[in-house]
Amino acid sequence: ESAAFAIARLNPHVNVIRFEERFSPDSARRHLSGFDLLI
């Protein structure tokens, strides 16, 4: 939430998707297909 607010102040053209969970094999299966790059 804190990071999303900071990003909105910096650049309102960026869409932020928040996942309030630890990255895990399960979350990767649910979410990673919607992204082009992982950091």
PDB file of all heavy atoms in Angstrom:
ATOM      1  N   GLU A   1       0.831  -1.203   0.000  1.00  0.00           N
ATOM      2  CA  GLU A   1       0.000   0.000   0.000  1.00  0.00           C
ATOM      3  C   GLU A   1       0.864   1.251   0.000  1.00  0.00           C
ATOM      4  O   GLU A   1       0.631   2.200  -0.763  1.00  0.00           O
ATOM      5  CB  GLU A   1      -0.912  -0.003   1.228  1.00  0.00           C
ATOM      6  CG  GLU A   1      -1.847   1.182   1.319  1.00  0.00           C
ATOM      7  CD  GLU A   1      -2.728   1.138   2.553  1.00  0.00           C
ATOM      8  OE1 GLU A   1      -2.407   0.389   3.496  1.00  0.00           O
ATOM      9  OE2 GLU A   1      -3.743   1.866   2.571  1.00  0.00           O
ATOM     10  N   SER A   2       1.882   1.281   0.866  1.00  0.00           N
ATOM     11  CA  SER A   2       2.782   2.420   0.939  1.00  0.00           C
ATOM     12  C   SER A   2       3.488   2.650  -0.388  1.00  0.00           C
ATOM     13  O   SER A   2       3.579   3.789  -0.876  1.00  0.00           O
ATOM     14  CB  SER A   2       3.812   2.189   2.053  1.00  0.00           C
ATOM     15  OG  SER A   2       4.820   3.182   2.040  1.00  0.00           O
ATOM     16  N   ALA A   3       3.975   1.558  -0.996  1.00  0.00           N
ATOM     17  CA  ALA A   3       4.682   1.681  -2.277  1.00  0.00           C
ATOM     18  C   ALA A   3       3.746   2.139  -3.384  1.00  0.00           C
ATOM     19  O   ALA A   3       4.123   2.945  -4.234  1.00  0.00           O
ATOM     20  CB  ALA A   3       5.322   0.344  -2.639  1.00  0.00           C
ATOM     21  N   ALA A   4       2.518   1.637  -3.381  1.00  0.00           N
ATOM     22  CA  ALA A   4       1.556   2.025  -4.409  1.00  0.00           C
ATOM     23  C   ALA A   4       1.249   3.514  -4.345  1.00  0.00           C
ATOM     24  O   ALA A   4       1.145   4.194  -5.382  1.00  0.00           O
ATOM     25  CB  ALA A   4       0.272   1.218  -4.261  1.00  0.00           C
ATOM     26  N   PHE A   5       1.106   4.065  -3.130  1.00  0.00           N
ATOM     27  CA  PHE A   5       0.860   5.497  -2.979  1.00  0.00           C
ATOM     28  C   PHE A   5       2.049   6.312  -3.478  1.00  0.00           C
ATOM     29  O   PHE A   5       1.885   7.345  -4.137  1.00  0.00           O
ATOM     30  CB  PHE A   5       0.559   5.850  -1.520  1.00  0.00           C
ATOM     31  CG  PHE A   5      -0.839   5.487  -1.099  1.00  0.00           C
ATOM     32  CD1 PHE A   5      -1.080   4.849   0.117  1.00  0.00           C
ATOM     33  CD2 PHE A   5      -1.928   5.800  -1.899  1.00  0.00           C
ATOM     34  CE1 PHE A   5      -2.369   4.524   0.518  1.00  0.00           C
ATOM     35  CE2 PHE A   5      -3.223   5.482  -1.508  1.00  0.00           C
ATOM     36  CZ  PHE A   5      -3.439   4.838  -0.303  1.00  0.00           C
ATOM     37  N   ALA A   6       3.263   5.845  -3.157  1.00  0.00           N
ATOM     38  CA  ALA A   6       4.460   6.558  -3.606  1.00  0.00           C
ATOM     39  C   ALA A   6       4.561   6.551  -5.131  1.00  0.00           C
ATOM     40  O   ALA A   6       4.925   7.560  -5.749  1.00  0.00           O
ATOM     41  CB  ALA A   6       5.703   5.928  -2.979  1.00  0.00           C
ATOM     42  N   ILE A   7       4.244   5.414  -5.744  1.00  0.00           N
ATOM     43  CA  ILE A   7       4.280   5.319  -7.202  1.00  0.00           C
ATOM     44  C   ILE A   7       3.241   6.230  -7.836  1.00  0.00           C
ATOM     45  O   ILE A   7       3.501   6.893  -8.839  1.00  0.00           O
ATOM     46  CB  ILE A   7       4.080   3.857  -7.638  1.00  0.00           C
ATOM     47  CG1 ILE A   7       5.314   3.026  -7.274  1.00  0.00           C
ATOM     48  CG2 ILE A   7       3.800   3.756  -9.139  1.00  0.00           C
ATOM     49  CD1 ILE A   7       5.123   1.535  -7.462  1.00  0.00           C
ATOM     50  N   ALA A   8       2.053   6.296  -7.243  1.00  0.00           N
ATOM     51  CA  ALA A   8       0.997   7.157  -7.773  1.00  0.00           C
ATOM     52  C   ALA A   8       1.415   8.624  -7.742  1.00  0.00           C
ATOM     53  O   ALA A   8       1.093   9.396  -8.657  1.00  0.00           O
ATOM     54  CB  ALA A   8      -0.287   6.955  -6.976  1.00  0.00           C
ATOM     55  N   ARG A   9       2.129   9.022  -6.689  1.00  0.00           N
ATOM     56  CA  ARG A   9       2.615  10.399  -6.618  1.00  0.00           C
ATOM     57  C   ARG A   9       3.702  10.655  -7.651  1.00  0.00           C
ATOM     58  O   ARG A   9       3.801  11.757  -8.209  1.00  0.00           O
ATOM     59  CB  ARG A   9       3.150  10.699  -5.216  1.00  0.00           C
ATOM     60  CG  ARG A   9       2.072  10.774  -4.144  1.00  0.00           C
ATOM     61  CD  ARG A   9       2.635  11.361  -2.854  1.00  0.00           C
ATOM     62  NE  ARG A   9       3.667  10.522  -2.266  1.00  0.00           N
ATOM     63  CZ  ARG A   9       3.431   9.554  -1.386  1.00  0.00           C
ATOM     64  NH1 ARG A   9       2.182   9.285  -1.023  1.00  0.00           N
ATOM     65  NH2 ARG A   9       4.424   8.851  -0.887  1.00  0.00           N
ATOM     66  N   LEU A  10       4.515   9.643  -7.912  1.00  0.00           N
ATOM     67  CA  LEU A  10       5.615   9.789  -8.860  1.00  0.00           C
ATOM     68  C   LEU A  10       5.139   9.784 -10.302  1.00  0.00           C
ATOM     69  O   LEU A  10       5.586  10.602 -11.120  1.00  0.00           O
ATOM     70  CB  LEU A  10       6.637   8.661  -8.635  1.00  0.00           C
ATOM     71  CG  LEU A  10       7.834   8.591  -9.578  1.00  0.00           C
ATOM     72  CD1 LEU A  10       8.687   9.847  -9.453  1.00  0.00           C
ATOM     73  CD2 LEU A  10       8.672   7.348  -9.258  1.00  0.00           C
ATOM     74  N   ASN A  11       4.241   8.853 -10.626  1.00  0.00           N
ATOM     75  CA  ASN A  11       3.807   8.712 -12.024  1.00  0.00           C
ATOM     76  C   ASN A  11       2.385   8.162 -12.066  1.00  0.00           C
ATOM     77  O   ASN A  11       2.173   6.953 -11.906  1.00  0.00           O
ATOM     78  CB  ASN A  11       4.752   7.791 -12.798  1.00  0.00           C
ATOM     79  CG  ASN A  11       4.487   7.798 -14.290  1.00  0.00           C
ATOM     80  OD1 ASN A  11       3.453   8.297 -14.753  1.00  0.00           O
ATOM     81  ND2 ASN A  11       5.411   7.246 -15.054  1.00  0.00           N
ATOM     82  N   PRO A  12       1.395   9.000 -12.321  1.00  0.00           N
ATOM     83  CA  PRO A  12      -0.001   8.537 -12.330  1.00  0.00           C
ATOM     84  C   PRO A  12      -0.343   7.654 -13.520  1.00  0.00           C
ATOM     85  O   PRO A  12      -1.436   7.087 -13.565  1.00  0.00           O
ATOM     86  CB  PRO A  12      -0.795   9.860 -12.379  1.00  0.00           C
ATOM     87  CG  PRO A  12       0.125  10.834 -13.019  1.00  0.00           C
ATOM     88  CD  PRO A  12       1.501  10.453 -12.548  1.00  0.00           C
ATOM     89  N   HIS A  13       0.578   7.508 -14.474  1.00  0.00           N
ATOM     90  CA  HIS A  13       0.320   6.673 -15.644  1.00  0.00           C
ATOM     91  C   HIS A  13       0.603   5.190 -15.376  1.00  0.00           C
ATOM     92  O   HIS A  13       0.352   4.354 -16.235  1.00  0.00           O
ATOM     93  CB  HIS A  13       1.185   7.136 -16.823  1.00  0.00           C
ATOM     94  CG  HIS A  13       0.905   8.537 -17.260  1.00  0.00           C
ATOM     95  ND1 HIS A  13      -0.198   8.881 -18.003  1.00  0.00           N
ATOM     96  CD2 HIS A  13       1.575   9.698 -17.030  1.00  0.00           C
ATOM     97  CE1 HIS A  13      -0.189  10.180 -18.241  1.00  0.00           C
ATOM     98  NE2 HIS A  13       0.868  10.692 -17.641  1.00  0.00           N
ATOM     99  N   VAL A  14       1.137   4.879 -14.203  1.00  0.00           N
ATOM    100  CA  VAL A  14       1.497   3.499 -13.873  1.00  0.00           C
ATOM    101  C   VAL A  14       0.341   2.823 -13.140  1.00  0.00           C
ATOM    102  O   VAL A  14      -0.199   3.364 -12.172  1.00  0.00           O
ATOM    103  CB  VAL A  14       2.768   3.458 -12.992  1.00  0.00           C
ATOM    104  CG1 VAL A  14       3.100   2.017 -12.590  1.00  0.00           C
ATOM    105  CG2 VAL A  14       3.946   4.081 -13.742  1.00  0.00           C
ATOM    106  N   ASN A  15      -0.009   1.645 -13.604  1.00  0.00           N
ATOM    107  CA  ASN A  15      -1.024   0.827 -12.938  1.00  0.00           C
ATOM    108  C   ASN A  15      -0.327  -0.131 -11.977  1.00  0.00           C
ATOM    109  O   ASN A  15       0.548  -0.904 -12.395  1.00  0.00           O
ATOM    110  CB  ASN A  15      -1.822   0.035 -13.979  1.00  0.00           C
ATOM    111  CG  ASN A  15      -2.821  -0.906 -13.343  1.00  0.00           C
ATOM    112  OD1 ASN A  15      -3.467  -0.569 -12.359  1.00  0.00           O
ATOM    113  ND2 ASN A  15      -2.935  -2.112 -13.896  1.00  0.00           N
ATOM    114  N   VAL A  16      -0.683  -0.088 -10.699  1.00  0.00           N
ATOM    115  CA  VAL A  16      -0.071  -0.943  -9.683  1.00  0.00           C
ATOM    116  C   VAL A  16      -1.048  -2.033  -9.276  1.00  0.00           C
ATOM    117  O   VAL A  16      -2.216  -1.760  -8.978  1.00  0.00           O
ATOM    118  CB  VAL A  16       0.358  -0.127  -8.448  1.00  0.00           C
ATOM    119  CG1 VAL A  16       0.890  -1.061  -7.346  1.00  0.00           C
ATOM    120  CG2 VAL A  16       1.421   0.902  -8.836  1.00  0.00           C
ATOM    121  N   ILE A  17      -0.558  -3.271  -9.270  1.00  0.00           N
ATOM    122  CA  ILE A  17      -1.345  -4.417  -8.795  1.00  0.00           C
ATOM    123  C   ILE A  17      -0.686  -4.929  -7.529  1.00  0.00           C
ATOM    124  O   ILE A  17       0.489  -5.295  -7.537  1.00  0.00           O
ATOM    125  CB  ILE A  17      -1.415  -5.532  -9.852  1.00  0.00           C
ATOM    126  CG1 ILE A  17      -1.986  -4.987 -11.168  1.00  0.00           C
ATOM    127  CG2 ILE A  17      -2.268  -6.694  -9.346  1.00  0.00           C
ATOM    128  CD1 ILE A  17      -1.954  -6.002 -12.296  1.00  0.00           C
ATOM    129  N   ARG A  18      -1.429  -4.944  -6.428  1.00  0.00           N
ATOM    130  CA  ARG A  18      -0.877  -5.332  -5.141  1.00  0.00           C
ATOM    131  C   ARG A  18      -1.222  -6.779  -4.810  1.00  0.00           C
ATOM    132  O   ARG A  18      -2.354  -7.208  -4.955  1.00  0.00           O
ATOM    133  CB  ARG A  18      -1.414  -4.414  -4.045  1.00  0.00           C
ATOM    134  CG  ARG A  18      -0.963  -2.973  -4.169  1.00  0.00           C
ATOM    135  CD  ARG A  18      -1.837  -2.022  -3.381  1.00  0.00           C
ATOM    136  NE  ARG A  18      -2.157  -2.523  -2.033  1.00  0.00           N
ATOM    137  CZ  ARG A  18      -3.045  -1.970  -1.241  1.00  0.00           C
ATOM    138  NH1 ARG A  18      -3.727  -0.903  -1.630  1.00  0.00           N
ATOM    139  NH2 ARG A  18      -3.292  -2.484  -0.049  1.00  0.00           N
ATOM    140  N   PHE A  19      -0.202  -7.518  -4.368  1.00  0.00           N
ATOM    141  CA  PHE A  19      -0.388  -8.887  -3.884  1.00  0.00           C
ATOM    142  C   PHE A  19       0.129  -8.932  -2.454  1.00  0.00           C
ATOM    143  O   PHE A  19       1.342  -8.980  -2.233  1.00  0.00           O
ATOM    144  CB  PHE A  19       0.367  -9.894  -4.760  1.00  0.00           C
ATOM    145  CG  PHE A  19      -0.046  -9.871  -6.209  1.00  0.00           C
ATOM    146  CD1 PHE A  19       0.803  -9.330  -7.169  1.00  0.00           C
ATOM    147  CD2 PHE A  19      -1.273 -10.376  -6.621  1.00  0.00           C
ATOM    148  CE1 PHE A  19       0.442  -9.311  -8.508  1.00  0.00           C
ATOM    149  CE2 PHE A  19      -1.652 -10.352  -7.956  1.00  0.00           C
ATOM    150  CZ  PHE A  19      -0.793  -9.816  -8.905  1.00  0.00           C
ATOM    151  N   GLU A  20      -0.781  -8.877  -1.495  1.00  0.00           N
ATOM    152  CA  GLU A  20      -0.380  -8.869  -0.091  1.00  0.00           C
ATOM    153  C   GLU A  20      -0.163 -10.303   0.386  1.00  0.00           C
ATOM    154  O   GLU A  20      -0.909 -10.839   1.197  1.00  0.00           O
ATOM    155  CB  GLU A  20      -1.437  -8.160   0.767  1.00  0.00           C
ATOM    156  CG  GLU A  20      -1.252  -6.669   0.833  1.00  0.00           C
ATOM    157  CD  GLU A  20      -2.306  -5.921   0.028  1.00  0.00           C
ATOM    158  OE1 GLU A  20      -3.425  -6.433  -0.093  1.00  0.00           O
ATOM    159  OE2 GLU A  20      -1.997  -4.826  -0.488  1.00  0.00           O
ATOM    160  N   GLU A  21       0.867 -10.911  -0.163  1.00  0.00           N
ATOM    161  CA  GLU A  21       1.213 -12.298   0.163  1.00  0.00           C
ATOM    162  C   GLU A  21       2.664 -12.546  -0.182  1.00  0.00           C
ATOM    163  O   GLU A  21       3.248 -11.839  -1.010  1.00  0.00           O
ATOM    164  CB  GLU A  21       0.319 -13.267  -0.617  1.00  0.00           C
ATOM    165  CG  GLU A  21       0.400 -13.091  -2.133  1.00  0.00           C
ATOM    166  CD  GLU A  21      -0.603 -13.959  -2.882  1.00  0.00           C
ATOM    167  OE1 GLU A  21      -0.731 -15.142  -2.520  1.00  0.00           O
ATOM    168  OE2 GLU A  21      -1.235 -13.454  -3.821  1.00  0.00           O
ATOM    169  N   ARG A  22       3.242 -13.540   0.468  1.00  0.00           N
ATOM    170  CA  ARG A  22       4.611 -13.931   0.135  1.00  0.00           C
ATOM    171  C   ARG A  22       4.602 -14.654  -1.208  1.00  0.00           C
ATOM    172  O   ARG A  22       3.679 -15.409  -1.508  1.00  0.00           O
ATOM    173  CB  ARG A  22       5.189 -14.853   1.214  1.00  0.00           C
ATOM    174  CG  ARG A  22       5.321 -14.191   2.573  1.00  0.00           C
ATOM    175  CD  ARG A  22       5.955 -15.129   3.581  1.00  0.00           C
ATOM    176  NE  ARG A  22       7.367 -15.332   3.300  1.00  0.00           N
ATOM    177  CZ  ARG A  22       8.337 -14.538   3.742  1.00  0.00           C
ATOM    178  NH1 ARG A  22       8.051 -13.467   4.466  1.00  0.00           N
ATOM    179  NH2 ARG A  22       9.597 -14.795   3.461  1.00  0.00           N
ATOM    180  N   PHE A  23       5.619 -14.426  -1.993  1.00  0.00           N
ATOM    181  CA  PHE A  23       5.726 -15.108  -3.277  1.00  0.00           C
ATOM    182  C   PHE A  23       6.000 -16.585  -3.020  1.00  0.00           C
ATOM    183  O   PHE A  23       6.913 -16.948  -2.288  1.00  0.00           O
ATOM    184  CB  PHE A  23       6.858 -14.499  -4.107  1.00  0.00           C
ATOM    185  CG  PHE A  23       6.908 -15.010  -5.518  1.00  0.00           C
ATOM    186  CD1 PHE A  23       6.086 -14.466  -6.491  1.00  0.00           C
ATOM    187  CD2 PHE A  23       7.770 -16.037  -5.873  1.00  0.00           C
ATOM    188  CE1 PHE A  23       6.121 -14.933  -7.792  1.00  0.00           C
ATOM    189  CE2 PHE A  23       7.813 -16.511  -7.162  1.00  0.00           C
ATOM    190  CZ  PHE A  23       6.984 -15.956  -8.131  1.00  0.00           C
ATOM    191  N   SER A  24       5.192 -17.439  -3.623  1.00  0.00           N
ATOM    192  CA  SER A  24       5.267 -18.885  -3.391  1.00  0.00           C
ATOM    193  C   SER A  24       4.946 -19.606  -4.692  1.00  0.00           C
ATOM    194  O   SER A  24       4.465 -18.984  -5.652  1.00  0.00           O
ATOM    195  CB  SER A  24       4.263 -19.289  -2.308  1.00  0.00           C
ATOM    196  OG  SER A  24       2.935 -19.073  -2.785  1.00  0.00           O
ATOM    197  N   PRO A  25       5.189 -20.913  -4.763  1.00  0.00           N
ATOM    198  CA  PRO A  25       4.789 -21.641  -5.969  1.00  0.00           C
ATOM    199  C   PRO A  25       3.311 -21.477  -6.290  1.00  0.00           C
ATOM    200  O   PRO A  25       2.935 -21.360  -7.457  1.00  0.00           O
ATOM    201  CB  PRO A  25       5.137 -23.096  -5.624  1.00  0.00           C
ATOM    202  CG  PRO A  25       6.263 -22.991  -4.650  1.00  0.00           C
ATOM    203  CD  PRO A  25       5.950 -21.776  -3.826  1.00  0.00           C
ATOM    204  N   ASP A  26       2.468 -21.427  -5.261  1.00  0.00           N
ATOM    205  CA  ASP A  26       1.031 -21.263  -5.489  1.00  0.00           C
ATOM    206  C   ASP A  26       0.709 -19.884  -6.049  1.00  0.00           C
ATOM    207  O   ASP A  26      -0.047 -19.749  -7.020  1.00  0.00           O
ATOM    208  CB  ASP A  26       0.274 -21.487  -4.181  1.00  0.00           C
ATOM    209  CG  ASP A  26      -1.226 -21.291  -4.353  1.00  0.00           C
ATOM    210  OD1 ASP A  26      -1.835 -22.025  -5.148  1.00  0.00           O
ATOM    211  OD2 ASP A  26      -1.777 -20.379  -3.699  1.00  0.00           O
ATOM    212  N   SER A  27       1.277 -18.831  -5.458  1.00  0.00           N
ATOM    213  CA  SER A  27       1.003 -17.485  -5.963  1.00  0.00           C
ATOM    214  C   SER A  27       1.578 -17.301  -7.360  1.00  0.00           C
ATOM    215  O   SER A  27       1.005 -16.584  -8.191  1.00  0.00           O
ATOM    216  CB  SER A  27       1.566 -16.430  -5.006  1.00  0.00           C
ATOM    217  OG  SER A  27       2.980 -16.479  -4.954  1.00  0.00           O
ATOM    218  N   ALA A  28       2.713 -17.946  -7.643  1.00  0.00           N
ATOM    219  CA  ALA A  28       3.288 -17.870  -8.987  1.00  0.00           C
ATOM    220  C   ALA A  28       2.343 -18.475 -10.013  1.00  0.00           C
ATOM    221  O   ALA A  28       2.137 -17.909 -11.099  1.00  0.00           O
ATOM    222  CB  ALA A  28       4.640 -18.585  -9.016  1.00  0.00           C
ATOM    223  N   ARG A  29       1.741 -19.614  -9.679  1.00  0.00           N
ATOM    224  CA  ARG A  29       0.790 -20.243 -10.604  1.00  0.00           C
ATOM    225  C   ARG A  29      -0.428 -19.363 -10.835  1.00  0.00           C
ATOM    226  O   ARG A  29      -0.983 -19.315 -11.936  1.00  0.00           O
ATOM    227  CB  ARG A  29       0.360 -21.609 -10.052  1.00  0.00           C
ATOM    228  CG  ARG A  29       1.404 -22.714 -10.208  1.00  0.00           C
ATOM    229  CD  ARG A  29       0.817 -24.074  -9.860  1.00  0.00           C
ATOM    230  NE  ARG A  29       0.468 -24.174  -8.454  1.00  0.00           N
ATOM    231  CZ  ARG A  29       1.295 -24.597  -7.503  1.00  0.00           C
ATOM    232  NH1 ARG A  29       2.529 -24.958  -7.822  1.00  0.00           N
ATOM    233  NH2 ARG A  29       0.908 -24.674  -6.248  1.00  0.00           N
ATOM    234  N   ARG A  30      -0.849 -18.634  -9.808  1.00  0.00           N
ATOM    235  CA  ARG A  30      -2.052 -17.808  -9.916  1.00  0.00           C
ATOM    236  C   ARG A  30      -1.807 -16.482 -10.623  1.00  0.00           C
ATOM    237  O   ARG A  30      -2.709 -15.958 -11.272  1.00  0.00           O
ATOM    238  CB  ARG A  30      -2.630 -17.552  -8.512  1.00  0.00           C
ATOM    239  CG  ARG A  30      -3.312 -18.779  -7.910  1.00  0.00           C
ATOM    240  CD  ARG A  30      -3.978 -18.452  -6.592  1.00  0.00           C
ATOM    241  NE  ARG A  30      -3.032 -18.356  -5.491  1.00  0.00           N
ATOM    242  CZ  ARG A  30      -2.738 -17.243  -4.827  1.00  0.00           C
ATOM    243  NH1 ARG A  30      -3.323 -16.106  -5.177  1.00  0.00           N
ATOM    244  NH2 ARG A  30      -1.879 -17.250  -3.835  1.00  0.00           N
ATOM    245  N   HIS A  31      -0.593 -15.933 -10.504  1.00  0.00           N
ATOM    246  CA  HIS A  31      -0.390 -14.555 -10.948  1.00  0.00           C
ATOM    247  C   HIS A  31       0.630 -14.363 -12.066  1.00  0.00           C
ATOM    248  O   HIS A  31       0.522 -13.392 -12.819  1.00  0.00           O
ATOM    249  CB  HIS A  31       0.044 -13.691  -9.756  1.00  0.00           C
ATOM    250  CG  HIS A  31      -0.868 -13.752  -8.585  1.00  0.00           C
ATOM    251  ND1 HIS A  31      -2.238 -13.557  -8.691  1.00  0.00           N
ATOM    252  CD2 HIS A  31      -0.616 -13.995  -7.259  1.00  0.00           C
ATOM    253  CE1 HIS A  31      -2.781 -13.666  -7.487  1.00  0.00           C
ATOM    254  NE2 HIS A  31      -1.825 -13.929  -6.614  1.00  0.00           N
ATOM    255  N   LEU A  32       1.622 -15.238 -12.163  1.00  0.00           N
ATOM    256  CA  LEU A  32       2.775 -14.926 -13.012  1.00  0.00           C
ATOM    257  C   LEU A  32       2.442 -14.897 -14.494  1.00  0.00           C
ATOM    258  O   LEU A  32       3.111 -14.195 -15.267  1.00  0.00           O
ATOM    259  CB  LEU A  32       3.905 -15.921 -12.739  1.00  0.00           C
ATOM    260  CG  LEU A  32       5.308 -15.484 -13.174  1.00  0.00           C
ATOM    261  CD1 LEU A  32       5.658 -14.116 -12.613  1.00  0.00           C
ATOM    262  CD2 LEU A  32       6.340 -16.516 -12.732  1.00  0.00           C
ATOM    263  N   SER A  33       1.412 -15.622 -14.913  1.00  0.00           N
ATOM    264  CA  SER A  33       1.070 -15.644 -16.337  1.00  0.00           C
ATOM    265  C   SER A  33       0.650 -14.269 -16.847  1.00  0.00           C
ATOM    266  O   SER A  33       0.660 -14.023 -18.058  1.00  0.00           O
ATOM    267  CB  SER A  33      -0.058 -16.649 -16.595  1.00  0.00           C
ATOM    268  OG  SER A  33      -1.237 -16.284 -15.890  1.00  0.00           O
ATOM    269  N   GLY A  34       0.298 -13.359 -15.965  1.00  0.00           N
ATOM    270  CA  GLY A  34      -0.117 -12.032 -16.377  1.00  0.00           C
ATOM    271  C   GLY A  34       1.017 -11.032 -16.498  1.00  0.00           C
ATOM    272  O   GLY A  34       0.760  -9.842 -16.706  1.00  0.00           O
ATOM    273  N   PHE A  35       2.265 -11.492 -16.382  1.00  0.00           N
ATOM    274  CA  PHE A  35       3.404 -10.586 -16.412  1.00  0.00           C
ATOM    275  C   PHE A  35       4.433 -11.013 -17.453  1.00  0.00           C
ATOM    276  O   PHE A  35       4.531 -12.192 -17.802  1.00  0.00           O
ATOM    277  CB  PHE A  35       4.051 -10.497 -15.027  1.00  0.00           C
ATOM    278  CG  PHE A  35       3.164  -9.832 -14.005  1.00  0.00           C
ATOM    279  CD1 PHE A  35       2.300 -10.591 -13.228  1.00  0.00           C
ATOM    280  CD2 PHE A  35       3.168  -8.455 -13.857  1.00  0.00           C
ATOM    281  CE1 PHE A  35       1.463  -9.985 -12.298  1.00  0.00           C
ATOM    282  CE2 PHE A  35       2.331  -7.840 -12.933  1.00  0.00           C
ATOM    283  CZ  PHE A  35       1.484  -8.595 -12.161  1.00  0.00           C
ATOM    284  N   ASP A  36       5.207 -10.026 -17.926  1.00  0.00           N
ATOM    285  CA  ASP A  36       6.228 -10.255 -18.949  1.00  0.00           C
ATOM    286  C   ASP A  36       7.612 -10.472 -18.352  1.00  0.00           C
ATOM    287  O   ASP A  36       8.514 -10.984 -19.017  1.00  0.00           O
ATOM    288  CB  ASP A  36       6.329  -9.045 -19.893  1.00  0.00           C
ATOM    289  CG  ASP A  36       4.980  -8.604 -20.423  1.00  0.00           C
ATOM    290  OD1 ASP A  36       4.297  -9.440 -21.018  1.00  0.00           O
ATOM    291  OD2 ASP A  36       4.619  -7.423 -20.226  1.00  0.00           O
ATOM    292  N   LEU A  37       7.802 -10.041 -17.107  1.00  0.00           N
ATOM    293  CA  LEU A  37       9.134 -10.028 -16.500  1.00  0.00           C
ATOM    294  C   LEU A  37       8.981 -10.132 -14.991  1.00  0.00           C
ATOM    295  O   LEU A  37       8.060  -9.550 -14.409  1.00  0.00           O
ATOM    296  CB  LEU A  37       9.849  -8.718 -16.870  1.00  0.00           C
ATOM    297  CG  LEU A  37      11.180  -8.390 -16.199  1.00  0.00           C
ATOM    298  CD1 LEU A  37      12.252  -9.395 -16.607  1.00  0.00           C
ATOM    299  CD2 LEU A  37      11.626  -6.972 -16.564  1.00  0.00           C
ATOM    300  N   LEU A  38       9.890 -10.877 -14.354  1.00  0.00           N
ATOM    301  CA  LEU A  38       9.887 -11.032 -12.901  1.00  0.00           C
ATOM    302  C   LEU A  38      11.179 -10.459 -12.349  1.00  0.00           C
ATOM    303  O   LEU A  38      12.264 -10.715 -12.879  1.00  0.00           O
ATOM    304  CB  LEU A  38       9.761 -12.508 -12.524  1.00  0.00           C
ATOM    305  CG  LEU A  38       9.731 -12.847 -11.034  1.00  0.00           C
ATOM    306  CD1 LEU A  38       8.517 -12.226 -10.355  1.00  0.00           C
ATOM    307  CD2 LEU A  38       9.732 -14.365 -10.821  1.00  0.00           C
ATOM    308  N   ILE A  39      11.061  -9.677 -11.270  1.00  0.00           N
ATOM    309  CA  ILE A  39      12.233  -9.120 -10.592  1.00  0.00           C
ATOM    310  C   ILE A  39      12.193  -9.576  -9.143  1.00  0.00           C
ATOM    311  O   ILE A  39      11.206  -9.347  -8.438  1.00  0.00           O
ATOM    312  CB  ILE A  39      12.251  -7.582 -10.664  1.00  0.00           C
ATOM    313  CG1 ILE A  39      12.251  -7.127 -12.126  1.00  0.00           C
ATOM    314  CG2 ILE A  39      13.466  -7.039  -9.924  1.00  0.00           C
ATOM    315  CD1 ILE A  39      12.278  -5.614 -12.282  1.00  0.00           C
TER     316      ILE A  39
END
